[in-house]
Amino acid sequence: MVKTIKGFTLIELMIVVAIIAILAAIAYPSYQEYVRKTKRIESQAELIALAGQLQRYKMANFSFEKREGNQTVPITLADLGHNAVLPNSGDALYDVSLTDVTANAWTLTATPKSNTAQIMDGTFRLNHRDQRCWDKGKSSCVLSEISNWNGK
């Protein structure tokens, strides 16, 4: 009676572990990039919603400025009820600023927070003309008729 041994050898198990390690080394960075891109796109959508709030403010007040006493001053994100971070709920990934505000113009800028995975993703901007810019990994970009959020 011959007794056969069933099971895996140590070499076979080591090969399987090595294959899994190689796949993980390739898949994990891709997954991280996918998550970073998803968070950026969600934040860009919220920035567009904030732009809509700005436009509604102008329709109601005929200006992006408000009266304080005898003078007009630019509106702020607080005037719109926004807490100056994106996303508006959950962990803050971007700081938002409203700049270059005049009676008829504004620029929104979202800058990645330094303690998040988005820090390597770059700053994106949007203005009253619906001009958008994003340059992957850069801390600034220039708004123009041809700039976009595709990172080019």
C-alpha atoms as a PDB file:
ATOM      1  CA  MET A   1       0.000   0.000   0.000  1.00  0.00           C
ATOM      2  CA  VAL A   2       1.532   3.211  -1.190  1.00  0.00           C
ATOM      3  CA  LYS A   3       0.704   6.257   0.816  1.00  0.00           C
ATOM      4  CA  THR A   4       0.434   9.459  -1.224  1.00  0.00           C
ATOM      5  CA  ILE A   5       1.049  12.801   0.354  1.00  0.00           C
ATOM      6  CA  LYS A   6      -1.431  15.506  -0.477  1.00  0.00           C
ATOM      7  CA  GLY A   7      -0.853  19.243  -0.074  1.00  0.00           C
ATOM      8  CA  PHE A   8       1.383  22.025  -1.254  1.00  0.00           C
ATOM      9  CA  THR A   9       5.113  22.178  -0.968  1.00  0.00           C
ATOM     10  CA  LEU A  10       6.886  25.109   0.586  1.00  0.00           C
ATOM     11  CA  ILE A  11       8.219  26.170  -2.828  1.00  0.00           C
ATOM     12  CA  GLU A  12       4.717  26.241  -4.301  1.00  0.00           C
ATOM     13  CA  LEU A  13       3.451  28.381  -1.422  1.00  0.00           C
ATOM     14  CA  MET A  14       6.411  30.768  -1.770  1.00  0.00           C
ATOM     15  CA  ILE A  15       5.694  31.168  -5.497  1.00  0.00           C
ATOM     16  CA  VAL A  16       2.045  31.992  -4.773  1.00  0.00           C
ATOM     17  CA  VAL A  17       3.059  34.548  -2.122  1.00  0.00           C
ATOM     18  CA  ALA A  18       5.555  36.132  -4.540  1.00  0.00           C
ATOM     19  CA  ILE A  19       2.893  36.404  -7.263  1.00  0.00           C
ATOM     20  CA  ILE A  20       0.447  38.013  -4.813  1.00  0.00           C
ATOM     21  CA  ALA A  21       3.149  40.469  -3.676  1.00  0.00           C
ATOM     22  CA  ILE A  22       3.909  41.472  -7.275  1.00  0.00           C
ATOM     23  CA  LEU A  23       0.214  41.984  -8.040  1.00  0.00           C
ATOM     24  CA  ALA A  24      -0.220  44.051  -4.866  1.00  0.00           C
ATOM     25  CA  ALA A  25       2.805  46.197  -5.724  1.00  0.00           C
ATOM     26  CA  ILE A  26       1.193  47.030  -9.064  1.00  0.00           C
ATOM     27  CA  ALA A  27      -2.436  47.316  -7.941  1.00  0.00           C
ATOM     28  CA  TYR A  28      -2.093  49.405  -4.764  1.00  0.00           C
ATOM     29  CA  PRO A  29      -0.548  52.517  -6.380  1.00  0.00           C
ATOM     30  CA  SER A  30      -3.166  52.322  -9.139  1.00  0.00           C
ATOM     31  CA  TYR A  31      -5.883  52.134  -6.515  1.00  0.00           C
ATOM     32  CA  GLN A  32      -4.434  55.143  -4.660  1.00  0.00           C
ATOM     33  CA  GLU A  33      -4.394  57.176  -7.892  1.00  0.00           C
ATOM     34  CA  TYR A  34      -7.996  56.159  -8.602  1.00  0.00           C
ATOM     35  CA  VAL A  35      -9.096  57.309  -5.118  1.00  0.00           C
ATOM     36  CA  ARG A  36      -7.192  60.610  -5.492  1.00  0.00           C
ATOM     37  CA  LYS A  37      -8.823  61.240  -8.882  1.00  0.00           C
ATOM     38  CA  THR A  38     -12.284  60.419  -7.515  1.00  0.00           C
ATOM     39  CA  LYS A  39     -11.846  62.816  -4.584  1.00  0.00           C
ATOM     40  CA  ARG A  40     -10.634  65.568  -6.959  1.00  0.00           C
ATOM     41  CA  ILE A  41     -13.630  65.109  -9.274  1.00  0.00           C
ATOM     42  CA  GLU A  42     -16.048  65.167  -6.313  1.00  0.00           C
ATOM     43  CA  SER A  43     -14.431  68.388  -5.082  1.00  0.00           C
ATOM     44  CA  GLN A  44     -14.590  69.925  -8.557  1.00  0.00           C
ATOM     45  CA  ALA A  45     -18.315  69.148  -8.647  1.00  0.00           C
ATOM     46  CA  GLU A  46     -18.749  70.899  -5.296  1.00  0.00           C
ATOM     47  CA  LEU A  47     -16.772  73.886  -6.615  1.00  0.00           C
ATOM     48  CA  ILE A  48     -19.201  74.099  -9.552  1.00  0.00           C
ATOM     49  CA  ALA A  49     -22.116  73.997  -7.090  1.00  0.00           C
ATOM     50  CA  LEU A  50     -20.468  76.831  -5.158  1.00  0.00           C
ATOM     51  CA  ALA A  51     -20.168  78.793  -8.426  1.00  0.00           C
ATOM     52  CA  GLY A  52     -23.916  78.299  -8.847  1.00  0.00           C
ATOM     53  CA  GLN A  53     -24.466  79.781  -5.387  1.00  0.00           C
ATOM     54  CA  LEU A  54     -22.371  82.789  -6.402  1.00  0.00           C
ATOM     55  CA  GLN A  55     -24.471  83.293  -9.528  1.00  0.00           C
ATOM     56  CA  ARG A  56     -27.702  83.025  -7.506  1.00  0.00           C
ATOM     57  CA  TYR A  57     -26.313  85.624  -5.091  1.00  0.00           C
ATOM     58  CA  LYS A  58     -25.671  87.998  -7.995  1.00  0.00           C
ATOM     59  CA  MET A  59     -29.160  87.436  -9.412  1.00  0.00           C
ATOM     60  CA  ALA A  60     -30.677  88.336  -6.049  1.00  0.00           C
ATOM     61  CA  ASN A  61     -28.340  91.261  -5.288  1.00  0.00           C
ATOM     62  CA  PHE A  62     -27.237  92.424  -8.774  1.00  0.00           C
ATOM     63  CA  SER A  63     -23.592  92.221  -7.678  1.00  0.00           C
ATOM     64  CA  PHE A  64     -20.954  89.990  -6.113  1.00  0.00           C
ATOM     65  CA  GLU A  65     -20.437  92.748  -3.558  1.00  0.00           C
ATOM     66  CA  LYS A  66     -22.462  93.650  -0.479  1.00  0.00           C
ATOM     67  CA  ARG A  67     -23.154  96.869   1.398  1.00  0.00           C
ATOM     68  CA  GLU A  68     -21.527  97.403   4.770  1.00  0.00           C
ATOM     69  CA  GLY A  69     -22.438 100.814   6.057  1.00  0.00           C
ATOM     70  CA  ASN A  70     -21.656 103.354   3.346  1.00  0.00           C
ATOM     71  CA  GLN A  71     -19.316 101.153   1.346  1.00  0.00           C
ATOM     72  CA  THR A  72     -19.434  98.046  -0.802  1.00  0.00           C
ATOM     73  CA  VAL A  73     -17.197  95.109   0.027  1.00  0.00           C
ATOM     74  CA  PRO A  74     -16.679  91.784  -1.754  1.00  0.00           C
ATOM     75  CA  ILE A  75     -18.777  88.866  -0.564  1.00  0.00           C
ATOM     76  CA  THR A  76     -17.036  85.987   1.183  1.00  0.00           C
ATOM     77  CA  LEU A  77     -17.603  82.259   1.302  1.00  0.00           C
ATOM     78  CA  ALA A  78     -19.095  82.746   4.774  1.00  0.00           C
ATOM     79  CA  ASP A  79     -21.771  84.996   3.220  1.00  0.00           C
ATOM     80  CA  LEU A  80     -22.791  81.983   1.134  1.00  0.00           C
ATOM     81  CA  GLY A  81     -22.785  79.670   4.159  1.00  0.00           C
ATOM     82  CA  HIS A  82     -19.717  77.777   2.957  1.00  0.00           C
ATOM     83  CA  ASN A  83     -16.992  76.666   5.360  1.00  0.00           C
ATOM     84  CA  ALA A  84     -14.087  77.188   2.890  1.00  0.00           C
ATOM     85  CA  VAL A  85     -13.111  73.520   2.573  1.00  0.00           C
ATOM     86  CA  LEU A  86     -13.920  70.742   0.121  1.00  0.00           C
ATOM     87  CA  PRO A  87     -15.654  68.426   0.353  1.00  0.00           C
ATOM     88  CA  ASN A  88     -18.207  70.311   2.415  1.00  0.00           C
ATOM     89  CA  SER A  89     -18.839  67.184   4.511  1.00  0.00           C
ATOM     90  CA  GLY A  90     -16.438  64.510   5.693  1.00  0.00           C
ATOM     91  CA  ASP A  91     -12.666  64.934   5.802  1.00  0.00           C
ATOM     92  CA  ALA A  92     -11.480  68.256   4.373  1.00  0.00           C
ATOM     93  CA  LEU A  93      -9.154  67.677   1.407  1.00  0.00           C
ATOM     94  CA  TYR A  94      -8.963  71.166  -0.125  1.00  0.00           C
ATOM     95  CA  ASP A  95      -8.937  74.734   1.173  1.00  0.00           C
ATOM     96  CA  VAL A  96     -11.196  76.977  -0.915  1.00  0.00           C
ATOM     97  CA  SER A  97     -10.652  80.683  -1.450  1.00  0.00           C
ATOM     98  CA  LEU A  98     -12.820  83.266  -3.172  1.00  0.00           C
ATOM     99  CA  THR A  99     -10.599  85.964  -4.695  1.00  0.00           C
ATOM    100  CA  ASP A 100     -10.602  88.736  -7.290  1.00  0.00           C
ATOM    101  CA  VAL A 101     -14.181  89.596  -6.307  1.00  0.00           C
ATOM    102  CA  THR A 102     -15.673  92.658  -7.997  1.00  0.00           C
ATOM    103  CA  ALA A 103     -19.265  93.600  -8.754  1.00  0.00           C
ATOM    104  CA  ASN A 104     -19.211  91.299 -11.801  1.00  0.00           C
ATOM    105  CA  ALA A 105     -16.330  88.850 -11.334  1.00  0.00           C
ATOM    106  CA  TRP A 106     -14.841  86.255  -9.000  1.00  0.00           C
ATOM    107  CA  THR A 107     -12.328  83.403  -8.911  1.00  0.00           C
ATOM    108  CA  LEU A 108     -12.573  80.236  -6.810  1.00  0.00           C
ATOM    109  CA  THR A 109      -9.369  78.348  -5.991  1.00  0.00           C
ATOM    110  CA  ALA A 110      -9.139  74.923  -4.340  1.00  0.00           C
ATOM    111  CA  THR A 111      -5.726  74.135  -2.854  1.00  0.00           C
ATOM    112  CA  PRO A 112      -4.954  70.641  -1.507  1.00  0.00           C
ATOM    113  CA  LYS A 113      -4.487  70.431   2.253  1.00  0.00           C
ATOM    114  CA  SER A 114      -0.936  69.500   3.167  1.00  0.00           C
ATOM    115  CA  ASN A 115      -1.800  66.545   5.407  1.00  0.00           C
ATOM    116  CA  THR A 116      -3.869  64.654   2.810  1.00  0.00           C
ATOM    117  CA  ALA A 117      -3.215  62.358  -0.143  1.00  0.00           C
ATOM    118  CA  GLN A 118      -4.452  65.161  -2.421  1.00  0.00           C
ATOM    119  CA  ILE A 119      -1.303  67.253  -1.794  1.00  0.00           C
ATOM    120  CA  MET A 120       0.365  65.791  -4.901  1.00  0.00           C
ATOM    121  CA  ASP A 121      -2.748  66.365  -7.012  1.00  0.00           C
ATOM    122  CA  GLY A 122      -2.462  70.092  -7.683  1.00  0.00           C
ATOM    123  CA  THR A 123      -4.583  73.219  -7.334  1.00  0.00           C
ATOM    124  CA  PHE A 124      -7.684  73.817  -9.452  1.00  0.00           C
ATOM    125  CA  ARG A 125      -9.511  77.059 -10.211  1.00  0.00           C
ATOM    126  CA  LEU A 126     -12.814  78.289 -11.633  1.00  0.00           C
ATOM    127  CA  ASN A 127     -14.011  81.811 -12.452  1.00  0.00           C
ATOM    128  CA  HIS A 128     -17.200  83.700 -13.336  1.00  0.00           C
ATOM    129  CA  ARG A 129     -16.635  83.016 -17.059  1.00  0.00           C
ATOM    130  CA  ASP A 130     -16.623  79.252 -16.398  1.00  0.00           C
ATOM    131  CA  GLN A 131     -12.924  79.145 -17.212  1.00  0.00           C
ATOM    132  CA  ARG A 132     -11.312  76.219 -15.446  1.00  0.00           C
ATOM    133  CA  CYS A 133      -7.733  75.167 -14.905  1.00  0.00           C
ATOM    134  CA  TRP A 134      -5.895  72.346 -13.190  1.00  0.00           C
ATOM    135  CA  ASP A 135      -2.293  71.356 -13.703  1.00  0.00           C
ATOM    136  CA  LYS A 136      -1.532  68.003 -12.093  1.00  0.00           C
ATOM    137  CA  GLY A 137       0.954  68.330  -9.276  1.00  0.00           C
ATOM    138  CA  LYS A 138       1.338  72.107  -9.645  1.00  0.00           C
ATOM    139  CA  SER A 139       0.474  74.653  -6.974  1.00  0.00           C
ATOM    140  CA  SER A 140      -1.105  77.092  -9.440  1.00  0.00           C
ATOM    141  CA  CYS A 141      -2.557  77.353 -12.926  1.00  0.00           C
ATOM    142  CA  VAL A 142      -3.600  80.122 -15.293  1.00  0.00           C
ATOM    143  CA  LEU A 143      -7.250  80.539 -16.254  1.00  0.00           C
ATOM    144  CA  SER A 144      -7.866  81.038 -19.970  1.00  0.00           C
ATOM    145  CA  GLU A 145     -10.300  80.211 -22.755  1.00  0.00           C
ATOM    146  CA  ILE A 146      -8.401  76.978 -23.481  1.00  0.00           C
ATOM    147  CA  SER A 147      -7.539  75.849 -19.939  1.00  0.00           C
ATOM    148  CA  ASN A 148      -9.523  72.949 -18.466  1.00  0.00           C
ATOM    149  CA  TRP A 149      -9.738  70.408 -15.659  1.00  0.00           C
ATOM    150  CA  ASN A 150      -8.125  67.648 -17.707  1.00  0.00           C
ATOM    151  CA  GLY A 151      -4.667  68.502 -16.394  1.00  0.00           C
ATOM    152  CA  LYS A 152      -3.350  69.660 -19.761  1.00  0.00           C
END
